[in-house]
Amino acid sequence: MALISAMYPVAEQVGASRIVKGVAIPHPCGDPSLPAELDAQLRREIVSTALKALEAKVDTTTVFTPKVGANA
């Protein structure tokens, strides 16, 4: 399982093994304030990062950060 969350410290505290940093609490998988094309690019990168997290072998809690947007 990979958890996409803007509150990644909380996800760490509850023991999630794969955490993907989200954008914001009301919109973890995008940013509606961005132009549509940039928002779509951000959403694709977050989902791509989550898929990579699922493929990764982890032994402890691991935080994955998308390479675009506010988290870059």
PDB file of N, CA and C in Angstrom:
ATOM      1  N   MET A   1       0.835  -1.174   0.000  1.00  0.00           N
ATOM      2  CA  MET A   1       0.000   0.000   0.000  1.00  0.00           C
ATOM      3  C   MET A   1       0.884   1.243   0.000  1.00  0.00           C
ATOM      4  N   ALA A   2       0.463   2.246  -0.741  1.00  0.00           N
ATOM      5  CA  ALA A   2       1.108   3.561  -0.724  1.00  0.00           C
ATOM      6  C   ALA A   2       0.056   4.586  -0.335  1.00  0.00           C
ATOM      7  N   LEU A   3       0.367   5.414   0.641  1.00  0.00           N
ATOM      8  CA  LEU A   3      -0.562   6.413   1.134  1.00  0.00           C
ATOM      9  C   LEU A   3      -0.149   7.787   0.625  1.00  0.00           C
ATOM     10  N   ILE A   4      -1.046   8.466  -0.094  1.00  0.00           N
ATOM     11  CA  ILE A   4      -0.802   9.837  -0.553  1.00  0.00           C
ATOM     12  C   ILE A   4      -1.415  10.752   0.492  1.00  0.00           C
ATOM     13  N   SER A   5      -0.580  11.603   1.092  1.00  0.00           N
ATOM     14  CA  SER A   5      -1.072  12.440   2.183  1.00  0.00           C
ATOM     15  C   SER A   5      -0.301  13.748   2.263  1.00  0.00           C
ATOM     16  N   ALA A   6      -1.032  14.824   2.488  1.00  0.00           N
ATOM     17  CA  ALA A   6      -0.395  16.112   2.752  1.00  0.00           C
ATOM     18  C   ALA A   6       0.057  16.171   4.205  1.00  0.00           C
ATOM     19  N   MET A   7      -0.469  15.285   5.013  1.00  0.00           N
ATOM     20  CA  MET A   7      -0.104  15.222   6.433  1.00  0.00           C
ATOM     21  C   MET A   7       0.825  14.032   6.663  1.00  0.00           C
ATOM     22  N   TYR A   8       1.942  14.023   5.937  1.00  0.00           N
ATOM     23  CA  TYR A   8       2.822  12.867   5.996  1.00  0.00           C
ATOM     24  C   TYR A   8       3.415  12.597   7.382  1.00  0.00           C
ATOM     25  N   PRO A   9       3.639  13.612   8.251  1.00  0.00           N
ATOM     26  CA  PRO A   9       4.118  13.274   9.598  1.00  0.00           C
ATOM     27  C   PRO A   9       3.108  12.418  10.375  1.00  0.00           C
ATOM     28  N   VAL A  10       1.822  12.667  10.172  1.00  0.00           N
ATOM     29  CA  VAL A  10       0.795  11.859  10.829  1.00  0.00           C
ATOM     30  C   VAL A  10       0.824  10.443  10.264  1.00  0.00           C
ATOM     31  N   ALA A  11       0.977  10.330   8.949  1.00  0.00           N
ATOM     32  CA  ALA A  11       1.057   9.007   8.320  1.00  0.00           C
ATOM     33  C   ALA A  11       2.257   8.227   8.862  1.00  0.00           C
ATOM     34  N   GLU A  12       3.370   8.920   9.097  1.00  0.00           N
ATOM     35  CA  GLU A  12       4.547   8.268   9.694  1.00  0.00           C
ATOM     36  C   GLU A  12       4.226   7.775  11.101  1.00  0.00           C
ATOM     37  N   GLN A  13       3.525   8.595  11.870  1.00  0.00           N
ATOM     38  CA  GLN A  13       3.215   8.240  13.256  1.00  0.00           C
ATOM     39  C   GLN A  13       2.307   7.020  13.358  1.00  0.00           C
ATOM     40  N   VAL A  14       1.426   6.837  12.374  1.00  0.00           N
ATOM     41  CA  VAL A  14       0.528   5.677  12.426  1.00  0.00           C
ATOM     42  C   VAL A  14       1.138   4.443  11.776  1.00  0.00           C
ATOM     43  N   GLY A  15       2.353   4.585  11.236  1.00  0.00           N
ATOM     44  CA  GLY A  15       3.075   3.422  10.751  1.00  0.00           C
ATOM     45  C   GLY A  15       2.888   3.062   9.293  1.00  0.00           C
ATOM     46  N   ALA A  16       2.439   3.987   8.469  1.00  0.00           N
ATOM     47  CA  ALA A  16       2.327   3.697   7.030  1.00  0.00           C
ATOM     48  C   ALA A  16       3.721   3.406   6.493  1.00  0.00           C
ATOM     49  N   SER A  17       3.849   2.401   5.659  1.00  0.00           N
ATOM     50  CA  SER A  17       5.179   2.014   5.184  1.00  0.00           C
ATOM     51  C   SER A  17       5.647   2.824   3.974  1.00  0.00           C
ATOM     52  N   ARG A  18       4.732   3.186   3.090  1.00  0.00           N
ATOM     53  CA  ARG A  18       5.069   3.979   1.899  1.00  0.00           C
ATOM     54  C   ARG A  18       4.174   5.216   1.871  1.00  0.00           C
ATOM     55  N   ILE A  19       4.783   6.380   1.995  1.00  0.00           N
ATOM     56  CA  ILE A  19       4.021   7.625   2.052  1.00  0.00           C
ATOM     57  C   ILE A  19       4.458   8.509   0.895  1.00  0.00           C
ATOM     58  N   VAL A  20       3.496   9.009   0.137  1.00  0.00           N
ATOM     59  CA  VAL A  20       3.758   9.946  -0.950  1.00  0.00           C
ATOM     60  C   VAL A  20       3.263  11.306  -0.500  1.00  0.00           C
ATOM     61  N   LYS A  21       4.142  12.307  -0.558  1.00  0.00           N
ATOM     62  CA  LYS A  21       3.751  13.652  -0.129  1.00  0.00           C
ATOM     63  C   LYS A  21       2.706  14.219  -1.076  1.00  0.00           C
ATOM     64  N   GLY A  22       1.574  14.610  -0.504  1.00  0.00           N
ATOM     65  CA  GLY A  22       0.520  15.261  -1.266  1.00  0.00           C
ATOM     66  C   GLY A  22       0.687  16.772  -1.204  1.00  0.00           C
ATOM     67  N   VAL A  23      -0.197  17.484  -1.896  1.00  0.00           N
ATOM     68  CA  VAL A  23      -0.092  18.931  -2.029  1.00  0.00           C
ATOM     69  C   VAL A  23      -0.677  19.651  -0.822  1.00  0.00           C
ATOM     70  N   ALA A  24      -1.938  19.415  -0.519  1.00  0.00           N
ATOM     71  CA  ALA A  24      -2.625  20.111   0.562  1.00  0.00           C
ATOM     72  C   ALA A  24      -3.731  19.219   1.095  1.00  0.00           C
ATOM     73  N   ILE A  25      -4.183  19.487   2.302  1.00  0.00           N
ATOM     74  CA  ILE A  25      -5.200  18.641   2.926  1.00  0.00           C
ATOM     75  C   ILE A  25      -6.462  18.535   2.071  1.00  0.00           C
ATOM     76  N   PRO A  26      -7.039  19.626   1.562  1.00  0.00           N
ATOM     77  CA  PRO A  26      -8.260  19.458   0.766  1.00  0.00           C
ATOM     78  C   PRO A  26      -8.008  18.906  -0.643  1.00  0.00           C
ATOM     79  N   HIS A  27      -6.759  18.971  -1.123  1.00  0.00           N
ATOM     80  CA  HIS A  27      -6.439  18.502  -2.470  1.00  0.00           C
ATOM     81  C   HIS A  27      -5.088  17.788  -2.464  1.00  0.00           C
ATOM     82  N   PRO A  28      -5.007  16.567  -1.903  1.00  0.00           N
ATOM     83  CA  PRO A  28      -3.711  15.899  -1.824  1.00  0.00           C
ATOM     84  C   PRO A  28      -3.147  15.495  -3.186  1.00  0.00           C
ATOM     85  N   CYS A  29      -4.015  15.310  -4.163  1.00  0.00           N
ATOM     86  CA  CYS A  29      -3.552  14.839  -5.479  1.00  0.00           C
ATOM     87  C   CYS A  29      -3.664  15.896  -6.571  1.00  0.00           C
ATOM     88  N   GLY A  30      -3.483  17.148  -6.234  1.00  0.00           N
ATOM     89  CA  GLY A  30      -3.548  18.185  -7.247  1.00  0.00           C
ATOM     90  C   GLY A  30      -3.641  19.555  -6.615  1.00  0.00           C
ATOM     91  N   ASP A  31      -3.659  20.566  -7.479  1.00  0.00           N
ATOM     92  CA  ASP A  31      -3.752  21.954  -7.020  1.00  0.00           C
ATOM     93  C   ASP A  31      -4.681  22.707  -7.958  1.00  0.00           C
ATOM     94  N   PRO A  32      -5.957  22.863  -7.578  1.00  0.00           N
ATOM     95  CA  PRO A  32      -6.920  23.507  -8.472  1.00  0.00           C
ATOM     96  C   PRO A  32      -6.613  24.978  -8.754  1.00  0.00           C
ATOM     97  N   SER A  33      -5.692  25.582  -8.013  1.00  0.00           N
ATOM     98  CA  SER A  33      -5.333  26.974  -8.289  1.00  0.00           C
ATOM     99  C   SER A  33      -4.369  27.092  -9.470  1.00  0.00           C
ATOM    100  N   LEU A  34      -3.806  25.984  -9.910  1.00  0.00           N
ATOM    101  CA  LEU A  34      -2.906  25.980 -11.073  1.00  0.00           C
ATOM    102  C   LEU A  34      -3.708  25.952 -12.368  1.00  0.00           C
ATOM    103  N   PRO A  35      -3.108  26.406 -13.465  1.00  0.00           N
ATOM    104  CA  PRO A  35      -3.754  26.209 -14.770  1.00  0.00           C
ATOM    105  C   PRO A  35      -3.976  24.711 -14.996  1.00  0.00           C
ATOM    106  N   ALA A  36      -4.995  24.374 -15.753  1.00  0.00           N
ATOM    107  CA  ALA A  36      -5.389  22.969 -15.948  1.00  0.00           C
ATOM    108  C   ALA A  36      -4.231  22.083 -16.393  1.00  0.00           C
ATOM    109  N   GLU A  37      -3.417  22.551 -17.301  1.00  0.00           N
ATOM    110  CA  GLU A  37      -2.312  21.729 -17.809  1.00  0.00           C
ATOM    111  C   GLU A  37      -1.281  21.435 -16.710  1.00  0.00           C
ATOM    112  N   LEU A  38      -0.960  22.435 -15.899  1.00  0.00           N
ATOM    113  CA  LEU A  38       0.005  22.227 -14.814  1.00  0.00           C
ATOM    114  C   LEU A  38      -0.573  21.350 -13.710  1.00  0.00           C
ATOM    115  N   ASP A  39      -1.857  21.516 -13.425  1.00  0.00           N
ATOM    116  CA  ASP A  39      -2.507  20.671 -12.431  1.00  0.00           C
ATOM    117  C   ASP A  39      -2.489  19.215 -12.891  1.00  0.00           C
ATOM    118  N   ALA A  40      -2.777  18.977 -14.153  1.00  0.00           N
ATOM    119  CA  ALA A  40      -2.749  17.615 -14.695  1.00  0.00           C
ATOM    120  C   ALA A  40      -1.338  17.024 -14.603  1.00  0.00           C
ATOM    121  N   GLN A  41      -0.334  17.832 -14.891  1.00  0.00           N
ATOM    122  CA  GLN A  41       1.056  17.368 -14.799  1.00  0.00           C
ATOM    123  C   GLN A  41       1.395  17.006 -13.350  1.00  0.00           C
ATOM    124  N   LEU A  42       0.964  17.835 -12.413  1.00  0.00           N
ATOM    125  CA  LEU A  42       1.196  17.570 -10.998  1.00  0.00           C
ATOM    126  C   LEU A  42       0.504  16.275 -10.565  1.00  0.00           C
ATOM    127  N   ARG A  43      -0.759  16.105 -10.960  1.00  0.00           N
ATOM    128  CA  ARG A  43      -1.498  14.894 -10.595  1.00  0.00           C
ATOM    129  C   ARG A  43      -0.833  13.649 -11.163  1.00  0.00           C
ATOM    130  N   ARG A  44      -0.383  13.733 -12.425  1.00  0.00           N
ATOM    131  CA  ARG A  44       0.312  12.583 -13.024  1.00  0.00           C
ATOM    132  C   ARG A  44       1.581  12.250 -12.253  1.00  0.00           C
ATOM    133  N   GLU A  45       2.340  13.253 -11.848  1.00  0.00           N
ATOM    134  CA  GLU A  45       3.585  13.022 -11.120  1.00  0.00           C
ATOM    135  C   GLU A  45       3.309  12.401  -9.747  1.00  0.00           C
ATOM    136  N   ILE A  46       2.266  12.851  -9.074  1.00  0.00           N
ATOM    137  CA  ILE A  46       1.932  12.272  -7.765  1.00  0.00           C
ATOM    138  C   ILE A  46       1.552  10.806  -7.918  1.00  0.00           C
ATOM    139  N   VAL A  47       0.714  10.497  -8.892  1.00  0.00           N
ATOM    140  CA  VAL A  47       0.311   9.104  -9.117  1.00  0.00           C
ATOM    141  C   VAL A  47       1.504   8.258  -9.566  1.00  0.00           C
ATOM    142  N   SER A  48       2.347   8.806 -10.423  1.00  0.00           N
ATOM    143  CA  SER A  48       3.554   8.093 -10.860  1.00  0.00           C
ATOM    144  C   SER A  48       4.469   7.793  -9.673  1.00  0.00           C
ATOM    145  N   THR A  49       4.606   8.757  -8.786  1.00  0.00           N
ATOM    146  CA  THR A  49       5.424   8.557  -7.590  1.00  0.00           C
ATOM    147  C   THR A  49       4.819   7.474  -6.705  1.00  0.00           C
ATOM    148  N   ALA A  50       3.500   7.452  -6.586  1.00  0.00           N
ATOM    149  CA  ALA A  50       2.836   6.420  -5.791  1.00  0.00           C
ATOM    150  C   ALA A  50       3.054   5.031  -6.395  1.00  0.00           C
ATOM    151  N   LEU A  51       3.004   4.933  -7.714  1.00  0.00           N
ATOM    152  CA  LEU A  51       3.259   3.638  -8.364  1.00  0.00           C
ATOM    153  C   LEU A  51       4.693   3.190  -8.145  1.00  0.00           C
ATOM    154  N   LYS A  52       5.646   4.122  -8.208  1.00  0.00           N
ATOM    155  CA  LYS A  52       7.047   3.793  -7.924  1.00  0.00           C
ATOM    156  C   LYS A  52       7.207   3.358  -6.468  1.00  0.00           C
ATOM    157  N   ALA A  53       6.461   3.992  -5.572  1.00  0.00           N
ATOM    158  CA  ALA A  53       6.514   3.611  -4.160  1.00  0.00           C
ATOM    159  C   ALA A  53       6.033   2.178  -3.969  1.00  0.00           C
ATOM    160  N   LEU A  54       4.995   1.788  -4.710  1.00  0.00           N
ATOM    161  CA  LEU A  54       4.489   0.419  -4.615  1.00  0.00           C
ATOM    162  C   LEU A  54       5.514  -0.600  -5.078  1.00  0.00           C
ATOM    163  N   GLU A  55       6.339  -0.215  -6.043  1.00  0.00           N
ATOM    164  CA  GLU A  55       7.359  -1.123  -6.569  1.00  0.00           C
ATOM    165  C   GLU A  55       8.595  -1.198  -5.673  1.00  0.00           C
ATOM    166  N   ALA A  56       8.797  -0.187  -4.848  1.00  0.00           N
ATOM    167  CA  ALA A  56      10.009  -0.108  -4.030  1.00  0.00           C
ATOM    168  C   ALA A  56       9.958  -1.083  -2.856  1.00  0.00           C
ATOM    169  N   LYS A  57      11.093  -1.683  -2.583  1.00  0.00           N
ATOM    170  CA  LYS A  57      11.218  -2.533  -1.399  1.00  0.00           C
ATOM    171  C   LYS A  57      11.569  -1.617  -0.235  1.00  0.00           C
ATOM    172  N   VAL A  58      10.769  -1.653   0.801  1.00  0.00           N
ATOM    173  CA  VAL A  58      11.024  -0.819   1.973  1.00  0.00           C
ATOM    174  C   VAL A  58      11.018  -1.691   3.224  1.00  0.00           C
ATOM    175  N   ASP A  59      11.884  -1.341   4.159  1.00  0.00           N
ATOM    176  CA  ASP A  59      11.947  -2.055   5.434  1.00  0.00           C
ATOM    177  C   ASP A  59      11.344  -1.235   6.565  1.00  0.00           C
ATOM    178  N   THR A  60      11.357   0.078   6.402  1.00  0.00           N
ATOM    179  CA  THR A  60      10.795   0.977   7.400  1.00  0.00           C
ATOM    180  C   THR A  60       9.932   2.007   6.672  1.00  0.00           C
ATOM    181  N   THR A  61       9.342   2.905   7.417  1.00  0.00           N
ATOM    182  CA  THR A  61       8.552   3.968   6.817  1.00  0.00           C
ATOM    183  C   THR A  61       9.419   4.766   5.854  1.00  0.00           C
ATOM    184  N   THR A  62       8.935   4.935   4.636  1.00  0.00           N
ATOM    185  CA  THR A  62       9.674   5.660   3.607  1.00  0.00           C
ATOM    186  C   THR A  62       8.757   6.716   3.002  1.00  0.00           C
ATOM    187  N   VAL A  63       9.268   7.949   2.894  1.00  0.00           N
ATOM    188  CA  VAL A  63       8.503   9.054   2.312  1.00  0.00           C
ATOM    189  C   VAL A  63       9.015   9.303   0.912  1.00  0.00           C
ATOM    190  N   PHE A  64       8.110   9.313  -0.060  1.00  0.00           N
ATOM    191  CA  PHE A  64       8.442   9.580  -1.460  1.00  0.00           C
ATOM    192  C   PHE A  64       7.910  10.959  -1.809  1.00  0.00           C
ATOM    193  N   THR A  65       8.729  11.752  -2.500  1.00  0.00           N
ATOM    194  CA  THR A  65       8.351  13.122  -2.839  1.00  0.00           C
ATOM    195  C   THR A  65       8.252  13.274  -4.355  1.00  0.00           C
ATOM    196  N   PRO A  66       7.086  13.690  -4.869  1.00  0.00           N
ATOM    197  CA  PRO A  66       6.964  13.952  -6.296  1.00  0.00           C
ATOM    198  C   PRO A  66       7.948  15.049  -6.717  1.00  0.00           C
ATOM    199  N   LYS A  67       8.385  15.020  -7.981  1.00  0.00           N
ATOM    200  CA  LYS A  67       9.419  15.928  -8.457  1.00  0.00           C
ATOM    201  C   LYS A  67       8.898  17.253  -9.005  1.00  0.00           C
ATOM    202  N   VAL A  68       7.599  17.506  -8.976  1.00  0.00           N
ATOM    203  CA  VAL A  68       7.035  18.761  -9.487  1.00  0.00           C
ATOM    204  C   VAL A  68       6.127  19.371  -8.440  1.00  0.00           C
ATOM    205  N   GLY A  69       5.761  20.624  -8.656  1.00  0.00           N
ATOM    206  CA  GLY A  69       4.806  21.285  -7.782  1.00  0.00           C
ATOM    207  C   GLY A  69       5.432  21.832  -6.520  1.00  0.00           C
ATOM    208  N   ALA A  70       4.601  22.054  -5.530  1.00  0.00           N
ATOM    209  CA  ALA A  70       5.020  22.675  -4.280  1.00  0.00           C
ATOM    210  C   ALA A  70       5.995  21.804  -3.511  1.00  0.00           C
ATOM    211  N   ASN A  71       6.018  20.492  -3.794  1.00  0.00           N
ATOM    212  CA  ASN A  71       6.879  19.577  -3.056  1.00  0.00           C
ATOM    213  C   ASN A  71       8.239  19.373  -3.704  1.00  0.00           C
ATOM    214  N   ALA A  72       8.482  20.012  -4.845  1.00  0.00           N
ATOM    215  CA  ALA A  72       9.737  19.764  -5.565  1.00  0.00           C
ATOM    216  C   ALA A  72      10.913  20.343  -4.833  1.00  0.00           C
TER     217      ALA A  72
END
